[in-house]
N, C-alpha and C. Protein backbone atom coordinates (compact mmCIF):
# COMPACT_ATOMS: atom_id res chain seq x y z
N MET A 1 100.99 128.42 114.67
CA MET A 1 101.88 127.72 113.76
C MET A 1 101.82 128.39 112.41
N SER A 2 102.94 128.51 111.76
CA SER A 2 102.94 129.12 110.45
C SER A 2 103.41 128.10 109.43
N GLU A 3 102.82 128.18 108.27
CA GLU A 3 103.24 127.32 107.16
C GLU A 3 104.39 128.04 106.49
N SER A 4 105.48 127.34 106.27
CA SER A 4 106.61 128.00 105.64
C SER A 4 107.44 127.01 104.86
N GLU A 5 108.23 127.56 103.96
CA GLU A 5 109.16 126.77 103.20
C GLU A 5 110.54 127.31 103.53
N PRO A 6 111.50 126.45 103.81
CA PRO A 6 112.82 126.94 104.18
C PRO A 6 113.47 127.75 103.06
N GLU A 7 114.34 128.67 103.45
CA GLU A 7 115.08 129.46 102.47
C GLU A 7 116.01 128.55 101.70
N SER A 8 116.35 128.95 100.44
CA SER A 8 117.24 128.10 99.67
C SER A 8 118.59 127.96 100.33
N GLY A 9 119.12 126.78 100.24
CA GLY A 9 120.39 126.48 100.83
C GLY A 9 120.32 126.10 102.30
N GLN A 10 119.16 126.25 102.89
CA GLN A 10 119.01 125.92 104.30
C GLN A 10 118.26 124.60 104.41
N GLU A 11 118.90 123.59 104.99
CA GLU A 11 118.27 122.28 105.11
C GLU A 11 117.63 122.15 106.49
N ARG A 12 116.37 121.74 106.49
CA ARG A 12 115.66 121.52 107.74
C ARG A 12 115.11 120.11 107.76
N GLN A 13 114.96 119.59 108.97
CA GLN A 13 114.42 118.26 109.14
C GLN A 13 113.22 118.32 110.07
N CYS A 14 112.27 117.41 109.83
CA CYS A 14 111.13 117.27 110.73
C CYS A 14 111.68 116.76 112.06
N VAL A 15 111.34 117.45 113.15
CA VAL A 15 111.86 117.07 114.46
C VAL A 15 111.23 115.75 114.94
N SER A 16 110.10 115.35 114.37
CA SER A 16 109.44 114.10 114.77
C SER A 16 109.98 112.88 114.04
N CYS A 17 110.06 112.95 112.70
CA CYS A 17 110.47 111.77 111.93
C CYS A 17 111.84 111.89 111.28
N GLY A 18 112.39 113.10 111.20
CA GLY A 18 113.74 113.29 110.70
C GLY A 18 113.89 113.45 109.20
N ILE A 19 112.78 113.44 108.44
CA ILE A 19 112.93 113.60 106.99
C ILE A 19 113.31 115.03 106.64
N ASN A 20 113.97 115.20 105.51
CA ASN A 20 114.32 116.51 105.00
C ASN A 20 113.04 117.17 104.50
N ILE A 21 112.69 118.33 105.04
CA ILE A 21 111.42 118.98 104.67
C ILE A 21 111.62 120.13 103.71
N ARG A 22 112.82 120.25 103.13
CA ARG A 22 113.07 121.31 102.16
C ARG A 22 112.13 121.15 100.97
N GLY A 23 111.41 122.21 100.66
CA GLY A 23 110.49 122.20 99.53
C GLY A 23 109.13 121.60 99.84
N MET A 24 108.92 121.15 101.07
CA MET A 24 107.64 120.55 101.46
C MET A 24 106.83 121.55 102.27
N SER A 25 105.56 121.29 102.37
CA SER A 25 104.71 122.08 103.27
C SER A 25 105.03 121.62 104.68
N ALA A 26 105.53 122.54 105.49
CA ALA A 26 105.93 122.19 106.85
C ALA A 26 105.58 123.32 107.79
N ALA A 27 105.34 122.98 109.03
CA ALA A 27 105.06 124.00 110.05
C ALA A 27 106.37 124.29 110.78
N THR A 28 106.64 125.57 110.96
CA THR A 28 107.80 125.99 111.73
C THR A 28 107.29 126.90 112.83
N PHE A 29 107.68 126.62 114.06
CA PHE A 29 107.18 127.39 115.20
C PHE A 29 108.22 127.39 116.30
N ALA A 30 108.05 128.29 117.26
CA ALA A 30 108.97 128.39 118.38
C ALA A 30 108.57 127.41 119.48
N CYS A 31 109.55 126.79 120.10
CA CYS A 31 109.31 125.91 121.24
C CYS A 31 108.61 126.72 122.34
N PRO A 32 107.53 126.20 122.91
CA PRO A 32 106.82 126.92 123.96
C PRO A 32 107.66 127.22 125.20
N ASP A 33 108.69 126.42 125.45
CA ASP A 33 109.52 126.64 126.64
C ASP A 33 110.73 127.54 126.40
N CYS A 34 111.50 127.24 125.34
CA CYS A 34 112.77 127.97 125.16
C CYS A 34 112.83 128.85 123.92
N GLY A 35 111.88 128.71 122.99
CA GLY A 35 111.86 129.56 121.80
C GLY A 35 112.65 129.05 120.62
N THR A 36 113.30 127.90 120.74
CA THR A 36 114.04 127.31 119.62
C THR A 36 113.08 127.03 118.47
N GLU A 37 113.53 127.26 117.24
CA GLU A 37 112.68 127.01 116.08
C GLU A 37 112.55 125.50 115.85
N ILE A 38 111.30 125.04 115.71
CA ILE A 38 110.99 123.63 115.50
C ILE A 38 110.23 123.51 114.18
N SER A 39 110.59 122.53 113.37
CA SER A 39 109.91 122.28 112.09
C SER A 39 109.32 120.88 112.10
N ARG A 40 108.11 120.77 111.56
CA ARG A 40 107.44 119.47 111.47
C ARG A 40 106.80 119.30 110.10
N CYS A 41 106.86 118.08 109.56
CA CYS A 41 106.25 117.80 108.26
C CYS A 41 104.74 117.66 108.41
N ALA A 42 104.05 117.75 107.29
CA ALA A 42 102.59 117.69 107.28
C ALA A 42 102.09 116.34 107.80
N ARG A 43 102.79 115.25 107.47
CA ARG A 43 102.34 113.92 107.91
C ARG A 43 102.38 113.79 109.43
N CYS A 44 103.46 114.24 110.05
CA CYS A 44 103.58 114.14 111.51
C CYS A 44 102.57 115.04 112.20
N ARG A 45 102.30 116.22 111.64
CA ARG A 45 101.27 117.09 112.21
C ARG A 45 99.91 116.44 112.12
N LYS A 46 99.59 115.88 110.96
CA LYS A 46 98.28 115.25 110.76
C LYS A 46 98.08 114.06 111.70
N GLN A 47 99.14 113.28 111.92
CA GLN A 47 99.05 112.10 112.78
C GLN A 47 99.26 112.45 114.26
N SER A 48 99.49 113.72 114.57
CA SER A 48 99.75 114.18 115.95
C SER A 48 100.91 113.43 116.60
N ASN A 49 101.95 113.16 115.79
CA ASN A 49 103.14 112.50 116.34
C ASN A 49 103.82 113.42 117.34
N LEU A 50 104.37 112.84 118.39
CA LEU A 50 105.06 113.63 119.40
C LEU A 50 106.33 114.25 118.83
N TYR A 51 106.69 115.41 119.37
CA TYR A 51 107.96 116.02 119.02
C TYR A 51 108.68 116.38 120.30
N GLU A 52 110.00 116.50 120.21
CA GLU A 52 110.80 116.88 121.37
C GLU A 52 111.77 117.98 120.93
N CYS A 53 111.80 119.06 121.67
CA CYS A 53 112.71 120.17 121.38
C CYS A 53 114.14 119.67 121.56
N PRO A 54 115.00 119.89 120.55
CA PRO A 54 116.38 119.42 120.66
C PRO A 54 117.20 120.18 121.71
N ASP A 55 116.76 121.37 122.08
CA ASP A 55 117.53 122.17 123.04
C ASP A 55 117.11 121.93 124.49
N CYS A 56 115.79 121.97 124.77
CA CYS A 56 115.36 121.90 126.18
C CYS A 56 114.64 120.61 126.55
N GLY A 57 114.26 119.79 125.53
CA GLY A 57 113.60 118.53 125.82
C GLY A 57 112.09 118.61 125.97
N PHE A 58 111.50 119.81 125.75
CA PHE A 58 110.05 119.94 125.83
C PHE A 58 109.41 118.97 124.85
N ARG A 59 108.33 118.29 125.27
CA ARG A 59 107.62 117.35 124.41
C ARG A 59 106.19 117.82 124.18
N GLY A 60 105.73 117.67 122.95
CA GLY A 60 104.37 118.06 122.61
C GLY A 60 103.81 117.19 121.51
N PRO A 61 102.51 117.31 121.26
CA PRO A 61 101.87 116.49 120.21
C PRO A 61 102.04 117.05 118.82
């Protein structure tokens, strides 16, 4: 997992809770099944909230 901040003008949302993560510390990584980029906020990562890939439906902690 890499820590990243989205590029300016690009809006991203946490795939777990849906908040706008622009300007926040967030993890962005490729889906283990299909490679789609997934972003998660620090709170959801810390709480191990489940996420679901919007493209293939893969679920993870």
